[in-house]
Amino acid sequence: PGAVKVDLETLETGIGLRDRHMRENYLEVKKGPDFSVATIEGIKV
């Protein structure tokens, strides 16, 4: 039970322009929480 969340707005590759493209053009983090956060849940081990 539970979930692990990752803040995608803080992902960094070491190159500022690439980071901005990744977040805004591909992950589209500005669209809201379903885009700015990745969540893994329902974990079975």
Full PDB file with SEQRES, HELIX, SHEET, SSBOND, CRYST1, ORIGX, SCALE, CONECT and MASTER records, all heavy atoms in Angstrom:
SEQRES   1 A   45  PRO GLY ALA VAL LYS VAL ASP LEU GLU THR LEU GLU THR          
SEQRES   2 A   45  GLY ILE GLY LEU ARG ASP ARG HIS MET ARG GLU ASN TYR          
SEQRES   3 A   45  LEU GLU VAL LYS LYS GLY PRO ASP PHE SER VAL ALA THR          
SEQRES   4 A   45  ILE GLU GLY ILE LYS VAL                                      
HELIX    1 AA1 LEU A    8  THR A   10  5                                   3    
HELIX    2 AA2 GLY A   16  ARG A   20  1                                   5    
HELIX    3 AA3 HIS A   21  TYR A   26  3                                   6    
HELIX    4 AA4 VAL A   29  LYS A   31  5                                   3    
HELIX    5 AA5 PRO A   33  SER A   36  1                                   4    
SHEET    1 AA1 2 ALA A   3  ASP A   7  0                                        
SHEET    2 AA1 2 VAL A  37  GLU A  41 -1                                        
CRYST1    1.000    1.000    1.000  90.00  90.00  90.00 P 1           1          
ORIGX1      1.000000  0.000000  0.000000        0.00000                         
ORIGX2      0.000000  1.000000  0.000000        0.00000                         
ORIGX3      0.000000  0.000000  1.000000        0.00000                         
SCALE1      1.000000  0.000000  0.000000        0.00000                         
SCALE2      0.000000  1.000000  0.000000        0.00000                         
SCALE3      0.000000  0.000000  1.000000        0.00000                         
ATOM      1  N   PRO A   1       0.821  -1.208   0.000  1.00  0.00           N  
ATOM      2  CA  PRO A   1       0.000   0.000   0.000  1.00  0.00           C  
ATOM      3  C   PRO A   1       0.859   1.263   0.000  1.00  0.00           C  
ATOM      4  O   PRO A   1       1.937   1.287   0.590  1.00  0.00           O  
ATOM      5  CB  PRO A   1      -0.792  -0.117   1.300  1.00  0.00           C  
ATOM      6  CG  PRO A   1      -0.803  -1.582   1.608  1.00  0.00           C  
ATOM      7  CD  PRO A   1       0.525  -2.086   1.134  1.00  0.00           C  
ATOM      8  N   GLY A   2       0.376   2.297  -0.683  1.00  0.00           N  
ATOM      9  CA  GLY A   2       1.082   3.561  -0.727  1.00  0.00           C  
ATOM     10  C   GLY A   2       1.566   3.888  -2.122  1.00  0.00           C  
ATOM     11  O   GLY A   2       1.225   3.209  -3.093  1.00  0.00           O  
ATOM     12  N   ALA A   3       2.367   4.945  -2.234  1.00  0.00           N  
ATOM     13  CA  ALA A   3       2.855   5.401  -3.530  1.00  0.00           C  
ATOM     14  C   ALA A   3       4.148   6.176  -3.346  1.00  0.00           C  
ATOM     15  O   ALA A   3       4.411   6.737  -2.287  1.00  0.00           O  
ATOM     16  CB  ALA A   3       1.808   6.287  -4.207  1.00  0.00           C  
ATOM     17  N   VAL A   4       4.950   6.198  -4.413  1.00  0.00           N  
ATOM     18  CA  VAL A   4       6.180   6.984  -4.451  1.00  0.00           C  
ATOM     19  C   VAL A   4       6.018   8.027  -5.554  1.00  0.00           C  
ATOM     20  O   VAL A   4       5.591   7.700  -6.665  1.00  0.00           O  
ATOM     21  CB  VAL A   4       7.410   6.089  -4.720  1.00  0.00           C  
ATOM     22  CG1 VAL A   4       8.665   6.938  -4.868  1.00  0.00           C  
ATOM     23  CG2 VAL A   4       7.580   5.061  -3.598  1.00  0.00           C  
ATOM     24  N   LYS A   5       6.361   9.286  -5.242  1.00  0.00           N  
ATOM     25  CA  LYS A   5       6.171  10.377  -6.196  1.00  0.00           C  
ATOM     26  C   LYS A   5       7.494  11.048  -6.523  1.00  0.00           C  
ATOM     27  O   LYS A   5       8.355  11.196  -5.649  1.00  0.00           O  
ATOM     28  CB  LYS A   5       5.187  11.406  -5.630  1.00  0.00           C  
ATOM     29  CG  LYS A   5       3.823  10.806  -5.340  1.00  0.00           C  
ATOM     30  CD  LYS A   5       2.825  11.846  -4.901  1.00  0.00           C  
ATOM     31  CE  LYS A   5       1.457  11.196  -4.702  1.00  0.00           C  
ATOM     32  NZ  LYS A   5       0.392  12.167  -4.549  1.00  0.00           N  
ATOM     33  N   VAL A   6       7.620  11.479  -7.783  1.00  0.00           N  
ATOM     34  CA  VAL A   6       8.833  12.143  -8.258  1.00  0.00           C  
ATOM     35  C   VAL A   6       8.452  13.479  -8.877  1.00  0.00           C  
ATOM     36  O   VAL A   6       7.580  13.539  -9.746  1.00  0.00           O  
ATOM     37  CB  VAL A   6       9.563  11.268  -9.297  1.00  0.00           C  
ATOM     38  CG1 VAL A   6      10.831  11.952  -9.771  1.00  0.00           C  
ATOM     39  CG2 VAL A   6       9.874   9.885  -8.722  1.00  0.00           C  
ATOM     40  N   ASP A   7       9.111  14.539  -8.446  1.00  0.00           N  
ATOM     41  CA  ASP A   7       8.862  15.881  -8.962  1.00  0.00           C  
ATOM     42  C   ASP A   7       9.618  16.042 -10.281  1.00  0.00           C  
ATOM     43  O   ASP A   7      10.842  16.212 -10.297  1.00  0.00           O  
ATOM     44  CB  ASP A   7       9.328  16.911  -7.933  1.00  0.00           C  
ATOM     45  CG  ASP A   7       9.077  18.341  -8.375  1.00  0.00           C  
ATOM     46  OD1 ASP A   7       8.652  18.550  -9.531  1.00  0.00           O  
ATOM     47  OD2 ASP A   7       9.314  19.258  -7.558  1.00  0.00           O  
ATOM     48  N   LEU A   8       8.908  16.002 -11.400  1.00  0.00           N  
ATOM     49  CA  LEU A   8       9.536  16.074 -12.715  1.00  0.00           C  
ATOM     50  C   LEU A   8      10.051  17.467 -13.054  1.00  0.00           C  
ATOM     51  O   LEU A   8      10.902  17.626 -13.931  1.00  0.00           O  
ATOM     52  CB  LEU A   8       8.551  15.602 -13.791  1.00  0.00           C  
ATOM     53  CG  LEU A   8       8.044  14.170 -13.638  1.00  0.00           C  
ATOM     54  CD1 LEU A   8       7.057  13.844 -14.749  1.00  0.00           C  
ATOM     55  CD2 LEU A   8       9.199  13.175 -13.633  1.00  0.00           C  
ATOM     56  N   GLU A   9       9.545  18.481 -12.356  1.00  0.00           N  
ATOM     57  CA  GLU A   9      10.005  19.851 -12.618  1.00  0.00           C  
ATOM     58  C   GLU A   9      11.443  20.057 -12.155  1.00  0.00           C  
ATOM     59  O   GLU A   9      12.070  21.057 -12.516  1.00  0.00           O  
ATOM     60  CB  GLU A   9       9.083  20.861 -11.939  1.00  0.00           C  
ATOM     61  CG  GLU A   9       7.682  20.886 -12.526  1.00  0.00           C  
ATOM     62  CD  GLU A   9       6.883  22.085 -12.051  1.00  0.00           C  
ATOM     63  OE1 GLU A   9       7.212  23.200 -12.465  1.00  0.00           O  
ATOM     64  OE2 GLU A   9       5.949  21.880 -11.260  1.00  0.00           O  
ATOM     65  N   THR A  10      11.976  19.129 -11.378  1.00  0.00           N  
ATOM     66  CA  THR A  10      13.341  19.269 -10.863  1.00  0.00           C  
ATOM     67  C   THR A  10      14.330  18.356 -11.586  1.00  0.00           C  
ATOM     68  O   THR A  10      15.496  18.301 -11.215  1.00  0.00           O  
ATOM     69  CB  THR A  10      13.381  18.964  -9.352  1.00  0.00           C  
ATOM     70  OG1 THR A  10      12.961  17.606  -9.123  1.00  0.00           O  
ATOM     71  CG2 THR A  10      12.458  19.902  -8.581  1.00  0.00           C  
ATOM     72  N   LEU A  11      13.887  17.625 -12.605  1.00  0.00           N  
ATOM     73  CA  LEU A  11      14.801  16.777 -13.371  1.00  0.00           C  
ATOM     74  C   LEU A  11      15.867  17.643 -14.048  1.00  0.00           C  
ATOM     75  O   LEU A  11      15.549  18.655 -14.673  1.00  0.00           O  
ATOM     76  CB  LEU A  11      14.043  15.990 -14.444  1.00  0.00           C  
ATOM     77  CG  LEU A  11      13.403  14.664 -14.037  1.00  0.00           C  
ATOM     78  CD1 LEU A  11      12.600  14.119 -15.201  1.00  0.00           C  
ATOM     79  CD2 LEU A  11      14.433  13.655 -13.562  1.00  0.00           C  
ATOM     80  N   GLU A  12      17.123  17.218 -13.944  1.00  0.00           N  
ATOM     81  CA  GLU A  12      18.219  17.962 -14.552  1.00  0.00           C  
ATOM     82  C   GLU A  12      19.160  17.018 -15.279  1.00  0.00           C  
ATOM     83  O   GLU A  12      19.451  15.921 -14.794  1.00  0.00           O  
ATOM     84  CB  GLU A  12      19.002  18.740 -13.486  1.00  0.00           C  
ATOM     85  CG  GLU A  12      18.203  19.844 -12.829  1.00  0.00           C  
ATOM     86  CD  GLU A  12      19.020  20.636 -11.817  1.00  0.00           C  
ATOM     87  OE1 GLU A  12      20.112  20.155 -11.424  1.00  0.00           O  
ATOM     88  OE2 GLU A  12      18.572  21.729 -11.427  1.00  0.00           O  
ATOM     89  N   THR A  13      19.646  17.478 -16.435  1.00  0.00           N  
ATOM     90  CA  THR A  13      20.585  16.682 -17.232  1.00  0.00           C  
ATOM     91  C   THR A  13      21.981  17.291 -17.246  1.00  0.00           C  
ATOM     92  O   THR A  13      22.922  16.683 -17.744  1.00  0.00           O  
ATOM     93  CB  THR A  13      20.108  16.584 -18.692  1.00  0.00           C  
ATOM     94  OG1 THR A  13      20.180  17.885 -19.296  1.00  0.00           O  
ATOM     95  CG2 THR A  13      18.695  16.056 -18.784  1.00  0.00           C  
ATOM     96  N   GLY A  14      22.108  18.503 -16.708  1.00  0.00           N  
ATOM     97  CA  GLY A  14      23.394  19.184 -16.735  1.00  0.00           C  
ATOM     98  C   GLY A  14      23.497  20.220 -17.843  1.00  0.00           C  
ATOM     99  O   GLY A  14      24.458  20.983 -17.903  1.00  0.00           O  
ATOM    100  N   ILE A  15      22.495  20.256 -18.721  1.00  0.00           N  
ATOM    101  CA  ILE A  15      22.457  21.262 -19.791  1.00  0.00           C  
ATOM    102  C   ILE A  15      21.127  21.990 -19.679  1.00  0.00           C  
ATOM    103  O   ILE A  15      20.059  21.395 -19.871  1.00  0.00           O  
ATOM    104  CB  ILE A  15      22.600  20.617 -21.186  1.00  0.00           C  
ATOM    105  CG1 ILE A  15      23.941  19.888 -21.293  1.00  0.00           C  
ATOM    106  CG2 ILE A  15      22.464  21.664 -22.279  1.00  0.00           C  
ATOM    107  CD1 ILE A  15      24.135  19.135 -22.603  1.00  0.00           C  
ATOM    108  N   GLY A  16      21.188  23.280 -19.366  1.00  0.00           N  
ATOM    109  CA  GLY A  16      19.980  24.054 -19.089  1.00  0.00           C  
ATOM    110  C   GLY A  16      18.959  24.045 -20.209  1.00  0.00           C  
ATOM    111  O   GLY A  16      17.762  23.853 -19.971  1.00  0.00           O  
ATOM    112  N   LEU A  17      19.401  24.243 -21.458  1.00  0.00           N  
ATOM    113  CA  LEU A  17      18.473  24.284 -22.587  1.00  0.00           C  
ATOM    114  C   LEU A  17      17.796  22.929 -22.773  1.00  0.00           C  
ATOM    115  O   LEU A  17      16.583  22.852 -23.007  1.00  0.00           O  
ATOM    116  CB  LEU A  17      19.212  24.692 -23.865  1.00  0.00           C  
ATOM    117  CG  LEU A  17      18.358  24.807 -25.127  1.00  0.00           C  
ATOM    118  CD1 LEU A  17      17.248  25.840 -24.935  1.00  0.00           C  
ATOM    119  CD2 LEU A  17      19.231  25.180 -26.337  1.00  0.00           C  
ATOM    120  N   ARG A  18      18.564  21.853 -22.637  1.00  0.00           N  
ATOM    121  CA  ARG A  18      17.987  20.511 -22.770  1.00  0.00           C  
ATOM    122  C   ARG A  18      16.983  20.250 -21.654  1.00  0.00           C  
ATOM    123  O   ARG A  18      15.927  19.655 -21.874  1.00  0.00           O  
ATOM    124  CB  ARG A  18      19.096  19.451 -22.766  1.00  0.00           C  
ATOM    125  CG  ARG A  18      18.573  18.029 -22.890  1.00  0.00           C  
ATOM    126  CD  ARG A  18      19.686  17.042 -23.191  1.00  0.00           C  
ATOM    127  NE  ARG A  18      20.670  16.979 -22.126  1.00  0.00           N  
ATOM    128  CZ  ARG A  18      21.836  16.321 -22.242  1.00  0.00           C  
ATOM    129  NH1 ARG A  18      22.159  15.722 -23.378  1.00  0.00           N  
ATOM    130  NH2 ARG A  18      22.685  16.291 -21.232  1.00  0.00           N  
ATOM    131  N   ASP A  19      17.305  20.716 -20.438  1.00  0.00           N  
ATOM    132  CA  ASP A  19      16.385  20.544 -19.302  1.00  0.00           C  
ATOM    133  C   ASP A  19      15.051  21.230 -19.599  1.00  0.00           C  
ATOM    134  O   ASP A  19      13.982  20.665 -19.349  1.00  0.00           O  
ATOM    135  CB  ASP A  19      16.978  21.142 -18.022  1.00  0.00           C  
ATOM    136  CG  ASP A  19      18.205  20.393 -17.537  1.00  0.00           C  
ATOM    137  OD1 ASP A  19      18.473  19.289 -18.049  1.00  0.00           O  
ATOM    138  OD2 ASP A  19      18.901  20.926 -16.650  1.00  0.00           O  
ATOM    139  N   ARG A  20      15.122  22.441 -20.110  1.00  0.00           N  
ATOM    140  CA  ARG A  20      13.908  23.201 -20.394  1.00  0.00           C  
ATOM    141  C   ARG A  20      13.075  22.517 -21.483  1.00  0.00           C  
ATOM    142  O   ARG A  20      11.850  22.392 -21.358  1.00  0.00           O  
ATOM    143  CB  ARG A  20      14.266  24.631 -20.822  1.00  0.00           C  
ATOM    144  CG  ARG A  20      13.085  25.571 -20.819  1.00  0.00           C  
ATOM    145  CD  ARG A  20      13.497  27.019 -20.760  1.00  0.00           C  
ATOM    146  NE  ARG A  20      14.341  27.426 -21.878  1.00  0.00           N  
ATOM    147  CZ  ARG A  20      15.638  27.700 -21.772  1.00  0.00           C  
ATOM    148  NH1 ARG A  20      16.245  27.610 -20.591  1.00  0.00           N  
ATOM    149  NH2 ARG A  20      16.334  28.070 -22.827  1.00  0.00           N  
ATOM    150  N   HIS A  21      13.742  22.053 -22.534  1.00  0.00           N  
ATOM    151  CA  HIS A  21      13.022  21.331 -23.591  1.00  0.00           C  
ATOM    152  C   HIS A  21      12.359  20.070 -23.040  1.00  0.00           C  
ATOM    153  O   HIS A  21      11.207  19.769 -23.358  1.00  0.00           O  
ATOM    154  CB  HIS A  21      13.991  20.949 -24.721  1.00  0.00           C  
ATOM    155  CG  HIS A  21      14.332  22.100 -25.606  1.00  0.00           C  
ATOM    156  ND1 HIS A  21      15.242  22.012 -26.630  1.00  0.00           N  
ATOM    157  CD2 HIS A  21      13.882  23.371 -25.632  1.00  0.00           C  
ATOM    158  CE1 HIS A  21      15.338  23.179 -27.246  1.00  0.00           C  
ATOM    159  NE2 HIS A  21      14.525  24.019 -26.648  1.00  0.00           N  
ATOM    160  N   MET A  22      13.101  19.324 -22.220  1.00  0.00           N  
ATOM    161  CA  MET A  22      12.588  18.077 -21.659  1.00  0.00           C  
ATOM    162  C   MET A  22      11.342  18.325 -20.807  1.00  0.00           C  
ATOM    163  O   MET A  22      10.326  17.645 -20.955  1.00  0.00           O  
ATOM    164  CB  MET A  22      13.676  17.402 -20.814  1.00  0.00           C  
ATOM    165  CG  MET A  22      13.229  16.160 -20.061  1.00  0.00           C  
ATOM    166  SD  MET A  22      14.559  15.488 -19.022  1.00  0.00           S  
ATOM    167  CE  MET A  22      14.865  16.859 -17.896  1.00  0.00           C  
ATOM    168  N   ARG A  23      11.431  19.315 -19.933  1.00  0.00           N  
ATOM    169  CA  ARG A  23      10.314  19.582 -19.019  1.00  0.00           C  
ATOM    170  C   ARG A  23       9.107  20.192 -19.733  1.00  0.00           C  
ATOM    171  O   ARG A  23       7.975  19.778 -19.494  1.00  0.00           O  
ATOM    172  CB  ARG A  23      10.768  20.531 -17.910  1.00  0.00           C  
ATOM    173  CG  ARG A  23      11.835  19.988 -16.999  1.00  0.00           C  
ATOM    174  CD  ARG A  23      12.252  21.079 -16.033  1.00  0.00           C  
ATOM    175  NE  ARG A  23      13.489  20.772 -15.361  1.00  0.00           N  
ATOM    176  CZ  ARG A  23      14.366  21.684 -14.946  1.00  0.00           C  
ATOM    177  NH1 ARG A  23      14.118  22.967 -15.150  1.00  0.00           N  
ATOM    178  NH2 ARG A  23      15.467  21.333 -14.331  1.00  0.00           N  
ATOM    179  N   GLU A  24       9.361  21.189 -20.583  1.00  0.00           N  
ATOM    180  CA  GLU A  24       8.259  21.950 -21.165  1.00  0.00           C  
ATOM    181  C   GLU A  24       7.702  21.339 -22.449  1.00  0.00           C  
ATOM    182  O   GLU A  24       6.488  21.302 -22.642  1.00  0.00           O  
ATOM    183  CB  GLU A  24       8.719  23.394 -21.419  1.00  0.00           C  
ATOM    184  CG  GLU A  24       9.065  24.122 -20.125  1.00  0.00           C  
ATOM    185  CD  GLU A  24       9.581  25.531 -20.355  1.00  0.00           C  
ATOM    186  OE1 GLU A  24       9.554  25.997 -21.518  1.00  0.00           O  
ATOM    187  OE2 GLU A  24      10.026  26.157 -19.375  1.00  0.00           O  
ATOM    188  N   ASN A  25       8.566  20.847 -23.334  1.00  0.00           N  
ATOM    189  CA  ASN A  25       8.107  20.354 -24.640  1.00  0.00           C  
ATOM    190  C   ASN A  25       7.683  18.891 -24.625  1.00  0.00           C  
ATOM    191  O   ASN A  25       6.799  18.503 -25.390  1.00  0.00           O  
ATOM    192  CB  ASN A  25       9.206  20.543 -25.692  1.00  0.00           C  
ATOM    193  CG  ASN A  25       9.574  22.003 -25.888  1.00  0.00           C  
ATOM    194  OD1 ASN A  25       8.890  22.888 -25.403  1.00  0.00           O  
ATOM    195  ND2 ASN A  25      10.661  22.251 -26.583  1.00  0.00           N  
ATOM    196  N   TYR A  26       8.322  18.076 -23.789  1.00  0.00           N  
ATOM    197  CA  TYR A  26       8.054  16.639 -23.822  1.00  0.00           C  
ATOM    198  C   TYR A  26       7.266  16.159 -22.600  1.00  0.00           C  
ATOM    199  O   TYR A  26       6.235  15.518 -22.750  1.00  0.00           O  
ATOM    200  CB  TYR A  26       9.374  15.870 -23.974  1.00  0.00           C  
ATOM    201  CG  TYR A  26      10.095  16.285 -25.235  1.00  0.00           C  
ATOM    202  CD1 TYR A  26      11.251  17.034 -25.193  1.00  0.00           C  
ATOM    203  CD2 TYR A  26       9.563  15.965 -26.480  1.00  0.00           C  
ATOM    204  CE1 TYR A  26      11.882  17.448 -26.358  1.00  0.00           C  
ATOM    205  CE2 TYR A  26      10.182  16.371 -27.650  1.00  0.00           C  
ATOM    206  CZ  TYR A  26      11.342  17.110 -27.586  1.00  0.00           C  
ATOM    207  OH  TYR A  26      11.953  17.531 -28.738  1.00  0.00           O  
ATOM    208  N   LEU A  27       7.718  16.508 -21.400  1.00  0.00           N  
ATOM    209  CA  LEU A  27       6.969  16.120 -20.204  1.00  0.00           C  
ATOM    210  C   LEU A  27       5.790  17.058 -19.952  1.00  0.00           C  
ATOM    211  O   LEU A  27       4.852  16.693 -19.259  1.00  0.00           O  
ATOM    212  CB  LEU A  27       7.903  16.092 -18.986  1.00  0.00           C  
ATOM    213  CG  LEU A  27       9.021  15.056 -19.064  1.00  0.00           C  
ATOM    214  CD1 LEU A  27       9.939  15.180 -17.845  1.00  0.00           C  
ATOM    215  CD2 LEU A  27       8.461  13.639 -19.162  1.00  0.00           C  
ATOM    216  N   GLU A  28       5.842  18.252 -20.485  1.00  0.00           N  
ATOM    217  CA  GLU A  28       4.759  19.242 -20.388  1.00  0.00           C  
ATOM    218  C   GLU A  28       4.321  19.478 -18.947  1.00  0.00           C  
ATOM    219  O   GLU A  28       3.139  19.443 -18.611  1.00  0.00           O  
ATOM    220  CB  GLU A  28       3.574  18.805 -21.261  1.00  0.00           C  
ATOM    221  CG  GLU A  28       3.942  18.640 -22.734  1.00  0.00           C  
ATOM    222  CD  GLU A  28       2.774  18.191 -23.580  1.00  0.00           C  
ATOM    223  OE1 GLU A  28       2.400  16.990 -23.478  1.00  0.00           O  
ATOM    224  OE2 GLU A  28       2.233  19.025 -24.327  1.00  0.00           O  
ATOM    225  N   VAL A  29       5.305  19.733 -18.084  1.00  0.00           N  
ATOM    226  CA  VAL A  29       5.054  19.839 -16.650  1.00  0.00           C  
ATOM    227  C   VAL A  29       4.109  20.979 -16.280  1.00  0.00           C  
ATOM    228  O   VAL A  29       3.502  20.959 -15.198  1.00  0.00           O  
ATOM    229  CB  VAL A  29       6.383  19.979 -15.870  1.00  0.00           C  
ATOM    230  CG1 VAL A  29       7.233  18.732 -16.025  1.00  0.00           C  
ATOM    231  CG2 VAL A  29       7.149  21.217 -16.315  1.00  0.00           C  
ATOM    232  N   LYS A  30       3.960  21.972 -17.139  1.00  0.00           N  
ATOM    233  CA  LYS A  30       3.098  23.114 -16.821  1.00  0.00           C  
ATOM    234  C   LYS A  30       1.612  22.789 -16.943  1.00  0.00           C  
ATOM    235  O   LYS A  30       0.756  23.593 -16.570  1.00  0.00           O  
ATOM    236  CB  LYS A  30       3.425  24.304 -17.734  1.00  0.00           C  
ATOM    237  CG  LYS A  30       4.865  24.786 -17.639  1.00  0.00           C  
ATOM    238  CD  LYS A  30       5.215  25.262 -16.253  1.00  0.00           C  
ATOM    239  CE  LYS A  30       6.626  25.828 -16.202  1.00  0.00           C  
ATOM    240  NZ  LYS A  30       7.078  26.101 -14.835  1.00  0.00           N  
ATOM    241  N   LYS A  31       1.288  21.600 -17.443  1.00  0.00           N  
ATOM    242  CA  LYS A  31      -0.129  21.240 -17.625  1.00  0.00           C  
ATOM    243  C   LYS A  31      -0.834  20.867 -16.321  1.00  0.00           C  
ATOM    244  O   LYS A  31      -2.047  20.704 -16.312  1.00  0.00           O  
ATOM    245  CB  LYS A  31      -0.247  20.081 -18.613  1.00  0.00           C  
ATOM    246  CG  LYS A  31      -0.075  20.488 -20.064  1.00  0.00           C  
ATOM    247  CD  LYS A  31      -0.454  19.344 -20.987  1.00  0.00           C  
ATOM    248  CE  LYS A  31      -0.500  19.781 -22.433  1.00  0.00           C  
ATOM    249  NZ  LYS A  31      -0.923  18.675 -23.329  1.00  0.00           N  
ATOM    250  N   GLY A  32      -0.085  20.685 -15.235  1.00  0.00           N  
ATOM    251  CA  GLY A  32      -0.719  20.343 -13.972  1.00  0.00           C  
ATOM    252  C   GLY A  32      -0.088  19.145 -13.305  1.00  0.00           C  
ATOM    253  O   GLY A  32       0.885  18.570 -13.811  1.00  0.00           O  
ATOM    254  N   PRO A  33      -0.634  18.743 -12.144  1.00  0.00           N  
ATOM    255  CA  PRO A  33      -0.012  17.690 -11.336  1.00  0.00           C  
ATOM    256  C   PRO A  33       0.093  16.329 -12.024  1.00  0.00           C  
ATOM    257  O   PRO A  33       0.986  15.551 -11.701  1.00  0.00           O  
ATOM    258  CB  PRO A  33      -0.900  17.613 -10.083  1.00  0.00           C  
ATOM    259  CG  PRO A  33      -2.171  18.306 -10.463  1.00  0.00           C  
ATOM    260  CD  PRO A  33      -1.827  19.306 -11.500  1.00  0.00           C  
ATOM    261  N   ASP A  34      -0.812  16.019 -12.960  1.00  0.00           N  
ATOM    262  CA  ASP A  34      -0.711  14.744 -13.670  1.00  0.00           C  
ATOM    263  C   ASP A  34       0.471  14.734 -14.634  1.00  0.00           C  
ATOM    264  O   ASP A  34       0.834  13.686 -15.168  1.00  0.00           O  
ATOM    265  CB  ASP A  34      -1.995  14.450 -14.454  1.00  0.00           C  
ATOM    266  CG  ASP A  34      -3.125  14.003 -13.543  1.00  0.00           C  
ATOM    267  OD1 ASP A  34      -2.849  13.700 -12.361  1.00  0.00           O  
ATOM    268  OD2 ASP A  34      -4.278  13.971 -14.005  1.00  0.00           O  
ATOM    269  N   PHE A  35       1.072  15.906 -14.854  1.00  0.00           N  
ATOM    270  CA  PHE A  35       2.210  16.029 -15.760  1.00  0.00           C  
ATOM    271  C   PHE A  35       3.491  16.413 -15.018  1.00  0.00           C  
ATOM    272  O   PHE A  35       4.577  16.020 -15.422  1.00  0.00           O  
ATOM    273  CB  PHE A  35       1.915  17.071 -16.849  1.00  0.00           C  
ATOM    274  CG  PHE A  35       0.874  16.621 -17.827  1.00  0.00           C  
ATOM    275  CD1 PHE A  35      -0.488  16.656 -17.511  1.00  0.00           C  
ATOM    276  CD2 PHE A  35       1.238  16.146 -19.077  1.00  0.00           C  
ATOM    277  CE1 PHE A  35      -1.445  16.226 -18.410  1.00  0.00           C  
ATOM    278  CE2 PHE A  35       0.286  15.714 -19.991  1.00  0.00           C  
ATOM    279  CZ  PHE A  35      -1.062  15.754 -19.655  1.00  0.00           C  
ATOM    280  N   SER A  36       3.366  17.173 -13.931  1.00  0.00           N  
ATOM    281  CA  SER A  36       4.552  17.641 -13.210  1.00  0.00           C  
ATOM    282  C   SER A  36       5.070  16.629 -12.198  1.00  0.00           C  
ATOM    283  O   SER A  36       6.193  16.764 -11.701  1.00  0.00           O  
ATOM    284  CB  SER A  36       4.256  18.965 -12.502  1.00  0.00           C  
ATOM    285  OG  SER A  36       3.243  18.801 -11.529  1.00  0.00           O  
ATOM    286  N   VAL A  37       4.258  15.626 -11.883  1.00  0.00           N  
ATOM    287  CA  VAL A  37       4.653  14.598 -10.917  1.00  0.00           C  
ATOM    288  C   VAL A  37       4.434  13.226 -11.539  1.00  0.00           C  
ATOM    289  O   VAL A  37       3.389  12.972 -12.150  1.00  0.00           O  
ATOM    290  CB  VAL A  37       3.817  14.715  -9.610  1.00  0.00           C  
ATOM    291  CG1 VAL A  37       4.144  13.575  -8.653  1.00  0.00           C  
ATOM    292  CG2 VAL A  37       4.058  16.061  -8.946  1.00  0.00           C  
ATOM    293  N   ALA A  38       5.434  12.350 -11.383  1.00  0.00           N  
ATOM    294  CA  ALA A  38       5.279  10.947 -11.772  1.00  0.00           C  
ATOM    295  C   ALA A  38       5.034  10.143 -10.505  1.00  0.00           C  
ATOM    296  O   ALA A  38       5.696  10.371  -9.486  1.00  0.00           O  
ATOM    297  CB  ALA A  38       6.528  10.445 -12.493  1.00  0.00           C  
ATOM    298  N   THR A  39       4.081   9.228 -10.545  1.00  0.00           N  
ATOM    299  CA  THR A  39       3.721   8.445  -9.367  1.00  0.00           C  
ATOM    300  C   THR A  39       3.714   6.967  -9.712  1.00  0.00           C  
ATOM    301  O   THR A  39       3.174   6.577 -10.744  1.00  0.00           O  
ATOM    302  CB  THR A  39       2.311   8.838  -8.860  1.00  0.00           C  
ATOM    303  OG1 THR A  39       2.282  10.243  -8.592  1.00  0.00           O  
ATOM    304  CG2 THR A  39       1.947   8.064  -7.596  1.00  0.00           C  
ATOM    305  N   ILE A  40       4.335   6.173  -8.852  1.00  0.00           N  
ATOM    306  CA  ILE A  40       4.215   4.722  -8.997  1.00  0.00           C  
ATOM    307  C   ILE A  40       3.463   4.198  -7.788  1.00  0.00           C  
ATOM    308  O   ILE A  40       3.773   4.533  -6.649  1.00  0.00           O  
ATOM    309  CB  ILE A  40       5.583   4.025  -9.175  1.00  0.00           C  
ATOM    310  CG1 ILE A  40       5.378   2.534  -9.454  1.00  0.00           C  
ATOM    311  CG2 ILE A  40       6.496   4.253  -7.995  1.00  0.00           C  
ATOM    312  CD1 ILE A  40       6.586   1.815 -10.001  1.00  0.00           C  
ATOM    313  N   GLU A  41       2.409   3.431  -8.068  1.00  0.00           N  
ATOM    314  CA  GLU A  41       1.545   2.921  -7.005  1.00  0.00           C  
ATOM    315  C   GLU A  41       1.137   1.494  -7.344  1.00  0.00           C  
ATOM    316  O   GLU A  41       1.508   0.946  -8.387  1.00  0.00           O  
ATOM    317  CB  GLU A  41       0.314   3.811  -6.854  1.00  0.00           C  
ATOM    318  CG  GLU A  41      -0.538   3.878  -8.110  1.00  0.00           C  
ATOM    319  CD  GLU A  41      -1.679   4.871  -8.008  1.00  0.00           C  
ATOM    320  OE1 GLU A  41      -1.627   5.772  -7.143  1.00  0.00           O  
ATOM    321  OE2 GLU A  41      -2.624   4.749  -8.807  1.00  0.00           O  
ATOM    322  N   GLY A  42       0.374   0.879  -6.446  1.00  0.00           N  
ATOM    323  CA  GLY A  42      -0.044  -0.504  -6.685  1.00  0.00           C  
ATOM    324  C   GLY A  42       1.146  -1.433  -6.836  1.00  0.00           C  
ATOM    325  O   GLY A  42       1.124  -2.372  -7.626  1.00  0.00           O  
ATOM    326  N   ILE A  43       2.196  -1.170  -6.074  1.00  0.00           N  
ATOM    327  CA  ILE A  43       3.438  -1.935  -6.201  1.00  0.00           C  
ATOM    328  C   ILE A  43       3.249  -3.334  -5.614  1.00  0.00           C  
ATOM    329  O   ILE A  43       2.807  -3.487  -4.481  1.00  0.00           O  
ATOM    330  CB  ILE A  43       4.585  -1.213  -5.481  1.00  0.00           C  
ATOM    331  CG1 ILE A  43       4.762   0.203  -6.048  1.00  0.00           C  
ATOM    332  CG2 ILE A  43       5.884  -2.006  -5.601  1.00  0.00           C  
ATOM    333  CD1 ILE A  43       5.654   1.099  -5.199  1.00  0.00           C  
ATOM    334  N   LYS A  44       3.603  -4.342  -6.409  1.00  0.00           N  
ATOM    335  CA  LYS A  44       3.562  -5.736  -5.940  1.00  0.00           C  
ATOM    336  C   LYS A  44       4.968  -6.307  -5.979  1.00  0.00           C  
ATOM    337  O   LYS A  44       5.686  -6.149  -6.964  1.00  0.00           O  
ATOM    338  CB  LYS A  44       2.633  -6.583  -6.813  1.00  0.00           C  
ATOM    339  CG  LYS A  44       1.168  -6.259  -6.647  1.00  0.00           C  
ATOM    340  CD  LYS A  44       0.300  -7.250  -7.395  1.00  0.00           C  
ATOM    341  CE  LYS A  44      -1.175  -6.960  -7.184  1.00  0.00           C  
ATOM    342  NZ  LYS A  44      -2.037  -7.933  -7.873  1.00  0.00           N  
ATOM    343  N   VAL A  45       5.366  -6.966  -4.891  1.00  0.00           N  
ATOM    344  CA  VAL A  45       6.701  -7.545  -4.809  1.00  0.00           C  
ATOM    345  C   VAL A  45       6.614  -9.032  -4.503  1.00  0.00           C  
ATOM    346  O   VAL A  45       5.641  -9.505  -3.911  1.00  0.00           O  
ATOM    347  CB  VAL A  45       7.550  -6.848  -3.726  1.00  0.00           C  
ATOM    348  CG1 VAL A  45       7.833  -5.409  -4.099  1.00  0.00           C  
ATOM    349  CG2 VAL A  45       6.862  -6.912  -2.362  1.00  0.00           C  
TER     350      VAL A  45                                                      
MASTER        0    0    0    5    2    0    0    6  349    1    0    4          
END                                                                             
